[in-house]
Amino acid sequence: MDLAPLTPLYERPGPWASAYLDTSFADEATLSRRELKGRQTSEELAAQGADEETCRAVRRAIGSYAYGQTPGRAVFAAHGEVVFEPVLALPPPDESSAVWGPLPHVAPLPELTPDEPDTLVVGSTGPAPTSHSVRPPAAAPRARSRAATRPPPTGPSATSS
């Protein structure tokens, strides 16, 4: 993942509003749904302590997104200004989420913007090194935590007496 677009997020002091939205659908209720989602996200951020100007900036940004054209959007704002609005390649796992905190909540971005391979395998099978990328199938769920990917313990210490 190219981290250069994230630079503005770390050049400015927080606190930060971070929101992830599913924008994959469009129907006759899209306009009212977009307004509702903007209001809900703004209220959720305010309940977490976000300032009014930042909530307003996030709400305006969400109200401007075109639904049905991209799987999702993220918005990052601080001090009343939207700083970064990436288009997501995948919709977020929840229809939307909003976080107010001292740093921008960028942890979901690698999973939602998979423009890079998940794993790069480099090896040598001859005179020159070779490489290829490995990516799970689009429908395959990705592990959410390290604990979920660990094999169950085995051996004498794994059994309880």
N, C-alpha and C. Protein backbone atom coordinates (compact mmCIF):
# COMPACT_ATOMS: atom_id res chain seq x y z
N MET A 1 0.84 -1.18 0.00
CA MET A 1 0.00 0.00 0.00
C MET A 1 0.89 1.23 0.00
N ASP A 2 0.60 2.16 -0.87
CA ASP A 2 1.32 3.41 -0.95
C ASP A 2 0.89 4.29 0.22
N LEU A 3 1.81 4.61 1.11
CA LEU A 3 1.48 5.38 2.31
C LEU A 3 1.60 6.89 2.10
N ALA A 4 2.14 7.33 0.98
CA ALA A 4 2.33 8.77 0.74
C ALA A 4 1.02 9.57 0.87
N PRO A 5 -0.13 9.07 0.39
CA PRO A 5 -1.36 9.86 0.55
C PRO A 5 -1.76 10.09 2.01
N LEU A 6 -1.23 9.27 2.93
CA LEU A 6 -1.56 9.43 4.34
C LEU A 6 -0.75 10.53 5.02
N THR A 7 0.27 11.04 4.36
CA THR A 7 1.16 12.04 4.96
C THR A 7 0.41 13.21 5.59
N PRO A 8 -0.58 13.81 4.93
CA PRO A 8 -1.28 14.94 5.56
C PRO A 8 -1.95 14.59 6.89
N LEU A 9 -2.27 13.32 7.06
CA LEU A 9 -2.92 12.91 8.31
C LEU A 9 -1.97 12.98 9.50
N TYR A 10 -0.68 12.87 9.23
CA TYR A 10 0.29 12.86 10.32
C TYR A 10 1.11 14.14 10.39
N GLU A 11 0.84 15.07 9.49
CA GLU A 11 1.49 16.38 9.54
C GLU A 11 0.67 17.38 10.37
N ARG A 12 -0.56 17.03 10.66
CA ARG A 12 -1.45 17.92 11.41
C ARG A 12 -1.72 17.33 12.79
N PRO A 13 -1.90 18.22 13.75
CA PRO A 13 -2.25 17.71 15.09
C PRO A 13 -3.70 17.25 15.12
N GLY A 14 -4.01 16.36 16.03
CA GLY A 14 -5.38 15.89 16.22
C GLY A 14 -6.11 16.81 17.15
N PRO A 15 -7.23 16.39 17.60
CA PRO A 15 -7.86 15.08 17.38
C PRO A 15 -8.49 14.98 15.98
N TRP A 16 -8.81 13.73 15.61
CA TRP A 16 -9.28 13.40 14.27
C TRP A 16 -10.64 12.72 14.28
N ALA A 17 -11.43 13.05 13.28
CA ALA A 17 -12.66 12.33 12.97
C ALA A 17 -12.33 11.40 11.81
N SER A 18 -12.64 10.13 11.95
CA SER A 18 -12.43 9.15 10.89
C SER A 18 -13.74 8.41 10.69
N ALA A 19 -14.19 8.34 9.44
CA ALA A 19 -15.45 7.65 9.16
C ALA A 19 -15.29 6.80 7.91
N TYR A 20 -15.92 5.63 7.94
CA TYR A 20 -15.92 4.70 6.81
C TYR A 20 -17.37 4.43 6.43
N LEU A 21 -17.67 4.51 5.12
CA LEU A 21 -19.05 4.39 4.66
C LEU A 21 -19.17 3.42 3.49
N ASP A 22 -20.26 2.69 3.47
CA ASP A 22 -20.61 1.84 2.34
C ASP A 22 -21.40 2.71 1.37
N THR A 23 -20.83 2.93 0.19
CA THR A 23 -21.51 3.74 -0.83
C THR A 23 -21.80 2.91 -2.08
N SER A 24 -21.89 1.61 -1.92
CA SER A 24 -22.00 0.70 -3.06
C SER A 24 -23.39 0.63 -3.68
N PHE A 25 -24.38 1.16 -3.02
CA PHE A 25 -25.76 1.01 -3.50
C PHE A 25 -26.34 2.36 -3.91
N ALA A 26 -27.28 2.31 -4.80
CA ALA A 26 -28.01 3.52 -5.21
C ALA A 26 -29.42 3.10 -5.59
N ASP A 27 -30.39 3.83 -5.09
CA ASP A 27 -31.79 3.59 -5.43
C ASP A 27 -32.56 4.89 -5.25
N GLU A 28 -33.87 4.81 -5.28
CA GLU A 28 -34.69 6.02 -5.18
C GLU A 28 -34.56 6.71 -3.82
N ALA A 29 -34.06 6.03 -2.82
CA ALA A 29 -33.92 6.61 -1.49
C ALA A 29 -32.48 7.09 -1.20
N THR A 30 -31.63 7.10 -2.23
CA THR A 30 -30.23 7.43 -2.01
C THR A 30 -30.05 8.83 -1.42
N LEU A 31 -30.74 9.82 -1.94
CA LEU A 31 -30.57 11.19 -1.45
C LEU A 31 -30.92 11.29 0.03
N SER A 32 -32.06 10.75 0.44
CA SER A 32 -32.44 10.81 1.85
C SER A 32 -31.52 9.94 2.71
N ARG A 33 -31.08 8.81 2.17
CA ARG A 33 -30.16 7.93 2.90
C ARG A 33 -28.82 8.63 3.12
N ARG A 34 -28.34 9.35 2.10
CA ARG A 34 -27.07 10.07 2.20
C ARG A 34 -27.16 11.16 3.26
N GLU A 35 -28.26 11.90 3.27
CA GLU A 35 -28.46 12.95 4.28
C GLU A 35 -28.55 12.34 5.68
N LEU A 36 -29.28 11.24 5.80
CA LEU A 36 -29.41 10.55 7.09
C LEU A 36 -28.05 10.04 7.57
N LYS A 37 -27.29 9.43 6.67
CA LYS A 37 -25.97 8.89 7.04
C LYS A 37 -25.04 10.01 7.47
N GLY A 38 -25.09 11.14 6.79
CA GLY A 38 -24.28 12.29 7.18
C GLY A 38 -24.65 12.78 8.57
N ARG A 39 -25.94 12.87 8.84
CA ARG A 39 -26.40 13.33 10.16
C ARG A 39 -26.03 12.32 11.25
N GLN A 40 -26.24 11.03 10.99
CA GLN A 40 -25.92 10.00 11.98
C GLN A 40 -24.43 9.98 12.30
N THR A 41 -23.61 10.06 11.28
CA THR A 41 -22.16 10.04 11.49
C THR A 41 -21.72 11.26 12.27
N SER A 42 -22.26 12.42 11.92
CA SER A 42 -21.94 13.65 12.63
C SER A 42 -22.34 13.56 14.10
N GLU A 43 -23.53 13.03 14.36
CA GLU A 43 -24.00 12.88 15.74
C GLU A 43 -23.16 11.87 16.51
N GLU A 44 -22.75 10.80 15.84
CA GLU A 44 -21.91 9.79 16.48
C GLU A 44 -20.56 10.39 16.87
N LEU A 45 -19.98 11.19 15.99
CA LEU A 45 -18.71 11.85 16.30
C LEU A 45 -18.88 12.86 17.43
N ALA A 46 -19.97 13.63 17.40
CA ALA A 46 -20.23 14.61 18.47
C ALA A 46 -20.38 13.92 19.82
N ALA A 47 -21.02 12.77 19.83
CA ALA A 47 -21.20 12.03 21.08
C ALA A 47 -19.86 11.54 21.64
N GLN A 48 -18.87 11.38 20.76
CA GLN A 48 -17.54 10.97 21.19
C GLN A 48 -16.65 12.16 21.56
N GLY A 49 -17.20 13.39 21.38
CA GLY A 49 -16.46 14.59 21.78
C GLY A 49 -15.94 15.44 20.64
N ALA A 50 -16.29 15.13 19.40
CA ALA A 50 -15.81 15.92 18.26
C ALA A 50 -16.40 17.32 18.29
N ASP A 51 -15.59 18.28 17.85
CA ASP A 51 -16.05 19.67 17.81
C ASP A 51 -17.07 19.87 16.68
N GLU A 52 -17.87 20.88 16.83
CA GLU A 52 -18.98 21.14 15.90
C GLU A 52 -18.50 21.38 14.47
N GLU A 53 -17.41 22.11 14.30
CA GLU A 53 -16.91 22.41 12.95
C GLU A 53 -16.46 21.15 12.22
N THR A 54 -15.81 20.25 12.94
CA THR A 54 -15.35 19.00 12.32
C THR A 54 -16.54 18.11 11.98
N CYS A 55 -17.51 18.05 12.86
CA CYS A 55 -18.73 17.28 12.58
C CYS A 55 -19.43 17.82 11.34
N ARG A 56 -19.49 19.13 11.24
CA ARG A 56 -20.14 19.76 10.08
C ARG A 56 -19.36 19.44 8.79
N ALA A 57 -18.03 19.48 8.85
CA ALA A 57 -17.22 19.17 7.66
C ALA A 57 -17.43 17.73 7.21
N VAL A 58 -17.48 16.80 8.16
CA VAL A 58 -17.70 15.39 7.83
C VAL A 58 -19.10 15.22 7.22
N ARG A 59 -20.07 15.88 7.81
CA ARG A 59 -21.45 15.77 7.30
C ARG A 59 -21.55 16.29 5.87
N ARG A 60 -20.91 17.43 5.59
CA ARG A 60 -20.92 17.98 4.22
C ARG A 60 -20.25 17.02 3.24
N ALA A 61 -19.12 16.44 3.66
CA ALA A 61 -18.41 15.51 2.78
C ALA A 61 -19.28 14.30 2.46
N ILE A 62 -19.89 13.72 3.48
CA ILE A 62 -20.75 12.55 3.26
C ILE A 62 -21.93 12.91 2.36
N GLY A 63 -22.47 14.10 2.52
CA GLY A 63 -23.58 14.54 1.68
C GLY A 63 -23.20 14.75 0.23
N SER A 64 -21.91 14.86 -0.06
CA SER A 64 -21.47 15.09 -1.44
C SER A 64 -21.11 13.81 -2.18
N TYR A 65 -21.03 12.68 -1.50
CA TYR A 65 -20.59 11.45 -2.14
C TYR A 65 -21.66 10.88 -3.07
N ALA A 66 -21.22 10.39 -4.22
CA ALA A 66 -22.12 9.73 -5.16
C ALA A 66 -22.23 8.26 -4.77
N TYR A 67 -23.42 7.83 -4.48
CA TYR A 67 -23.64 6.43 -4.12
C TYR A 67 -23.84 5.61 -5.39
N GLY A 68 -23.45 4.34 -5.33
CA GLY A 68 -23.63 3.44 -6.46
C GLY A 68 -22.49 3.48 -7.45
N GLN A 69 -21.50 4.33 -7.23
CA GLN A 69 -20.38 4.42 -8.17
C GLN A 69 -19.09 3.83 -7.61
N THR A 70 -18.99 3.75 -6.29
CA THR A 70 -17.81 3.18 -5.64
C THR A 70 -18.29 2.28 -4.50
N PRO A 71 -17.49 1.29 -4.11
CA PRO A 71 -17.89 0.41 -3.01
C PRO A 71 -17.96 1.11 -1.66
N GLY A 72 -17.11 2.11 -1.47
CA GLY A 72 -17.09 2.79 -0.18
C GLY A 72 -16.24 4.04 -0.21
N ARG A 73 -16.36 4.80 0.86
CA ARG A 73 -15.57 6.02 1.04
C ARG A 73 -15.12 6.09 2.49
N ALA A 74 -14.02 6.77 2.69
CA ALA A 74 -13.56 7.11 4.03
C ALA A 74 -13.35 8.61 4.06
N VAL A 75 -13.52 9.19 5.23
CA VAL A 75 -13.30 10.62 5.38
C VAL A 75 -12.55 10.85 6.68
N PHE A 76 -11.51 11.69 6.61
CA PHE A 76 -10.69 12.04 7.76
C PHE A 76 -10.70 13.56 7.88
N ALA A 77 -11.07 14.05 9.05
CA ALA A 77 -11.17 15.49 9.25
C ALA A 77 -10.61 15.88 10.61
N ALA A 78 -10.09 17.11 10.67
CA ALA A 78 -9.59 17.66 11.93
C ALA A 78 -9.75 19.17 11.90
N HIS A 79 -10.09 19.74 13.02
CA HIS A 79 -10.19 21.19 13.18
C HIS A 79 -11.09 21.83 12.11
N GLY A 80 -12.21 21.17 11.83
CA GLY A 80 -13.20 21.72 10.91
C GLY A 80 -12.88 21.56 9.44
N GLU A 81 -11.87 20.77 9.11
CA GLU A 81 -11.46 20.62 7.71
C GLU A 81 -11.30 19.15 7.34
N VAL A 82 -11.87 18.77 6.20
CA VAL A 82 -11.67 17.42 5.67
C VAL A 82 -10.29 17.41 5.03
N VAL A 83 -9.46 16.45 5.42
CA VAL A 83 -8.07 16.40 4.98
C VAL A 83 -7.84 15.30 3.94
N PHE A 84 -8.56 14.19 4.06
CA PHE A 84 -8.33 13.04 3.18
C PHE A 84 -9.64 12.29 3.01
N GLU A 85 -9.97 11.96 1.74
CA GLU A 85 -11.23 11.26 1.42
C GLU A 85 -10.97 10.14 0.41
N PRO A 86 -10.34 9.06 0.82
CA PRO A 86 -10.06 8.00 -0.15
C PRO A 86 -11.31 7.24 -0.58
N VAL A 87 -11.29 6.82 -1.83
CA VAL A 87 -12.31 5.90 -2.35
C VAL A 87 -11.85 4.51 -1.95
N LEU A 88 -12.77 3.71 -1.45
CA LEU A 88 -12.44 2.35 -1.02
C LEU A 88 -12.73 1.36 -2.14
N ALA A 89 -11.88 0.36 -2.26
CA ALA A 89 -12.08 -0.68 -3.27
C ALA A 89 -13.10 -1.71 -2.82
N LEU A 90 -13.33 -1.77 -1.51
CA LEU A 90 -14.30 -2.69 -0.92
C LEU A 90 -15.16 -1.92 0.07
N PRO A 91 -16.42 -2.30 0.23
CA PRO A 91 -17.22 -1.63 1.25
C PRO A 91 -16.73 -2.02 2.65
N PRO A 92 -16.85 -1.13 3.62
CA PRO A 92 -16.44 -1.49 4.97
C PRO A 92 -17.32 -2.62 5.51
N PRO A 93 -16.80 -3.42 6.46
CA PRO A 93 -17.58 -4.54 6.99
C PRO A 93 -18.89 -4.11 7.64
N ASP A 94 -18.87 -2.97 8.31
CA ASP A 94 -20.10 -2.40 8.85
C ASP A 94 -20.57 -1.37 7.82
N GLU A 95 -21.86 -1.11 7.78
CA GLU A 95 -22.36 -0.14 6.80
C GLU A 95 -21.66 1.20 6.97
N SER A 96 -21.37 1.58 8.20
CA SER A 96 -20.60 2.79 8.45
C SER A 96 -20.03 2.72 9.86
N SER A 97 -18.96 3.46 10.07
CA SER A 97 -18.38 3.57 11.39
C SER A 97 -17.72 4.93 11.51
N ALA A 98 -17.69 5.47 12.70
CA ALA A 98 -17.08 6.77 12.94
C ALA A 98 -16.29 6.71 14.24
N VAL A 99 -15.09 7.28 14.22
CA VAL A 99 -14.21 7.28 15.38
C VAL A 99 -13.64 8.67 15.57
N TRP A 100 -13.69 9.17 16.80
CA TRP A 100 -13.05 10.43 17.17
C TRP A 100 -11.90 10.08 18.09
N GLY A 101 -10.69 10.50 17.73
CA GLY A 101 -9.55 10.15 18.57
C GLY A 101 -8.36 11.04 18.32
N PRO A 102 -7.30 10.85 19.10
CA PRO A 102 -6.12 11.69 18.98
C PRO A 102 -5.37 11.52 17.66
N LEU A 103 -5.52 10.35 17.04
CA LEU A 103 -4.90 10.06 15.75
C LEU A 103 -5.97 9.58 14.77
N PRO A 104 -5.73 9.73 13.47
CA PRO A 104 -6.70 9.20 12.50
C PRO A 104 -6.76 7.68 12.59
N HIS A 105 -7.95 7.15 12.43
CA HIS A 105 -8.17 5.70 12.50
C HIS A 105 -7.99 5.11 11.10
N VAL A 106 -6.74 4.77 10.77
CA VAL A 106 -6.42 4.27 9.43
C VAL A 106 -6.30 2.75 9.36
N ALA A 107 -6.44 2.06 10.48
CA ALA A 107 -6.25 0.61 10.50
C ALA A 107 -7.07 -0.14 9.45
N PRO A 108 -8.32 0.24 9.16
CA PRO A 108 -9.09 -0.50 8.15
C PRO A 108 -8.62 -0.27 6.70
N LEU A 109 -7.86 0.77 6.44
CA LEU A 109 -7.51 1.10 5.05
C LEU A 109 -6.81 -0.02 4.28
N PRO A 110 -5.82 -0.71 4.83
CA PRO A 110 -5.18 -1.76 4.02
C PRO A 110 -6.13 -2.83 3.53
N GLU A 111 -7.13 -3.18 4.32
CA GLU A 111 -8.10 -4.19 3.89
C GLU A 111 -9.11 -3.63 2.89
N LEU A 112 -9.41 -2.35 2.98
CA LEU A 112 -10.46 -1.76 2.15
C LEU A 112 -9.93 -1.12 0.88
N THR A 113 -8.62 -0.97 0.78
CA THR A 113 -8.00 -0.42 -0.43
C THR A 113 -6.90 -1.37 -0.90
N PRO A 114 -7.27 -2.58 -1.27
CA PRO A 114 -6.25 -3.58 -1.59
C PRO A 114 -5.62 -3.36 -2.96
N ASP A 115 -4.92 -2.24 -3.12
CA ASP A 115 -4.25 -1.98 -4.39
C ASP A 115 -2.89 -2.65 -4.45
N GLU A 116 -2.45 -3.17 -3.34
CA GLU A 116 -1.17 -3.87 -3.25
C GLU A 116 -1.45 -5.32 -2.89
N PRO A 117 -0.54 -6.20 -3.22
CA PRO A 117 -0.73 -7.60 -2.82
C PRO A 117 -0.66 -7.74 -1.30
N ASP A 118 -1.35 -8.74 -0.78
CA ASP A 118 -1.29 -9.02 0.65
C ASP A 118 0.07 -9.56 1.05
N THR A 119 0.68 -10.32 0.17
CA THR A 119 1.98 -10.92 0.44
C THR A 119 2.80 -10.87 -0.84
N LEU A 120 4.04 -10.52 -0.72
CA LEU A 120 4.94 -10.56 -1.86
C LEU A 120 5.93 -11.68 -1.60
N VAL A 121 5.96 -12.64 -2.50
CA VAL A 121 6.84 -13.79 -2.36
C VAL A 121 8.01 -13.59 -3.31
N VAL A 122 9.21 -13.60 -2.76
CA VAL A 122 10.42 -13.44 -3.56
C VAL A 122 11.26 -14.69 -3.38
N GLY A 123 11.74 -15.21 -4.46
CA GLY A 123 12.57 -16.41 -4.38
C GLY A 123 13.49 -16.50 -5.57
N SER A 124 14.26 -17.54 -5.62
CA SER A 124 15.16 -17.74 -6.74
C SER A 124 15.03 -19.18 -7.20
N THR A 125 14.64 -19.34 -8.45
CA THR A 125 14.53 -20.69 -9.02
C THR A 125 15.51 -20.85 -10.16
N GLY A 126 16.43 -19.94 -10.28
CA GLY A 126 17.42 -19.99 -11.36
C GLY A 126 18.41 -18.88 -11.18
N PRO A 127 18.95 -18.38 -12.26
CA PRO A 127 19.98 -17.36 -12.14
C PRO A 127 19.46 -16.00 -11.67
N ALA A 128 18.18 -15.73 -11.84
CA ALA A 128 17.63 -14.43 -11.43
C ALA A 128 16.52 -14.61 -10.41
N PRO A 129 16.43 -13.70 -9.44
CA PRO A 129 15.33 -13.79 -8.47
C PRO A 129 13.98 -13.60 -9.16
N THR A 130 12.97 -14.21 -8.62
CA THR A 130 11.62 -14.06 -9.14
C THR A 130 10.71 -13.58 -8.02
N SER A 131 9.59 -12.99 -8.40
CA SER A 131 8.63 -12.57 -7.39
C SER A 131 7.22 -12.70 -7.95
N HIS A 132 6.28 -12.91 -7.07
CA HIS A 132 4.87 -12.90 -7.45
C HIS A 132 4.06 -12.51 -6.23
N SER A 133 2.88 -11.98 -6.49
CA SER A 133 2.04 -11.56 -5.38
C SER A 133 1.00 -12.63 -5.09
N VAL A 134 0.60 -12.67 -3.84
CA VAL A 134 -0.39 -13.63 -3.39
C VAL A 134 -1.52 -12.85 -2.76
N ARG A 135 -2.72 -13.06 -3.22
CA ARG A 135 -3.89 -12.39 -2.67
C ARG A 135 -4.99 -13.42 -2.51
N PRO A 136 -5.66 -13.43 -1.36
CA PRO A 136 -6.76 -14.39 -1.21
C PRO A 136 -7.88 -14.03 -2.18
N PRO A 137 -8.72 -14.99 -2.53
CA PRO A 137 -9.86 -14.69 -3.38
C PRO A 137 -10.72 -13.59 -2.76
N ALA A 138 -11.37 -12.78 -3.58
CA ALA A 138 -12.15 -11.64 -3.10
C ALA A 138 -13.20 -12.05 -2.07
N ALA A 139 -13.77 -13.23 -2.21
CA ALA A 139 -14.83 -13.65 -1.31
C ALA A 139 -14.30 -14.22 0.00
N ALA A 140 -13.01 -14.49 0.06
CA ALA A 140 -12.46 -15.11 1.27
C ALA A 140 -12.39 -14.09 2.40
N PRO A 141 -12.93 -14.40 3.57
CA PRO A 141 -12.84 -13.47 4.69
C PRO A 141 -11.41 -13.40 5.18
N ARG A 142 -11.01 -12.21 5.60
CA ARG A 142 -9.66 -12.03 6.11
C ARG A 142 -9.69 -12.05 7.62
N ALA A 143 -8.62 -12.56 8.20
CA ALA A 143 -8.53 -12.65 9.66
C ALA A 143 -8.58 -11.26 10.28
N ARG A 144 -9.30 -11.12 11.35
CA ARG A 144 -9.44 -9.84 12.05
C ARG A 144 -8.41 -9.68 13.15
N SER A 145 -7.88 -10.77 13.68
CA SER A 145 -6.90 -10.65 14.75
C SER A 145 -5.89 -11.77 14.64
N ARG A 146 -4.75 -11.56 15.27
CA ARG A 146 -3.73 -12.59 15.26
C ARG A 146 -4.25 -13.86 15.94
N ALA A 147 -5.02 -13.72 16.99
CA ALA A 147 -5.53 -14.88 17.72
C ALA A 147 -6.38 -15.76 16.81
N ALA A 148 -7.10 -15.17 15.90
CA ALA A 148 -7.97 -15.93 15.01
C ALA A 148 -7.17 -16.75 14.01
N THR A 149 -5.89 -16.38 13.79
CA THR A 149 -5.10 -17.08 12.79
C THR A 149 -4.14 -18.08 13.39
N ARG A 150 -4.02 -18.12 14.70
CA ARG A 150 -3.12 -19.06 15.36
C ARG A 150 -3.75 -20.45 15.39
N PRO A 151 -2.91 -21.49 15.18
CA PRO A 151 -3.46 -22.85 15.30
C PRO A 151 -3.73 -23.15 16.78
N PRO A 152 -4.65 -24.05 17.06
CA PRO A 152 -4.93 -24.39 18.43
C PRO A 152 -3.68 -25.01 19.06
N PRO A 153 -3.46 -24.78 20.36
CA PRO A 153 -2.29 -25.35 21.01
C PRO A 153 -2.38 -26.87 21.03
N THR A 154 -1.22 -27.50 20.96
CA THR A 154 -1.14 -28.95 21.02
C THR A 154 -0.11 -29.35 22.06
N GLY A 155 -0.11 -30.57 22.41
CA GLY A 155 0.88 -31.07 23.38
C GLY A 155 0.33 -31.11 24.77
N PRO A 156 1.16 -31.50 25.74
CA PRO A 156 0.70 -31.70 27.12
C PRO A 156 0.20 -30.43 27.78
N SER A 157 0.77 -29.27 27.44
CA SER A 157 0.32 -28.03 28.10
C SER A 157 -1.02 -27.56 27.55
N ALA A 158 -1.46 -28.10 26.42
CA ALA A 158 -2.73 -27.68 25.81
C ALA A 158 -3.93 -28.30 26.47
N THR A 159 -3.75 -29.39 27.17
CA THR A 159 -4.88 -30.07 27.80
C THR A 159 -5.02 -29.58 29.24
N SER A 160 -6.23 -29.44 29.67
CA SER A 160 -6.45 -29.01 31.06
C SER A 160 -6.75 -30.23 31.92
N SER A 161 -6.29 -30.18 33.17
CA SER A 161 -6.54 -31.31 34.06
C SER A 161 -7.68 -31.04 34.97
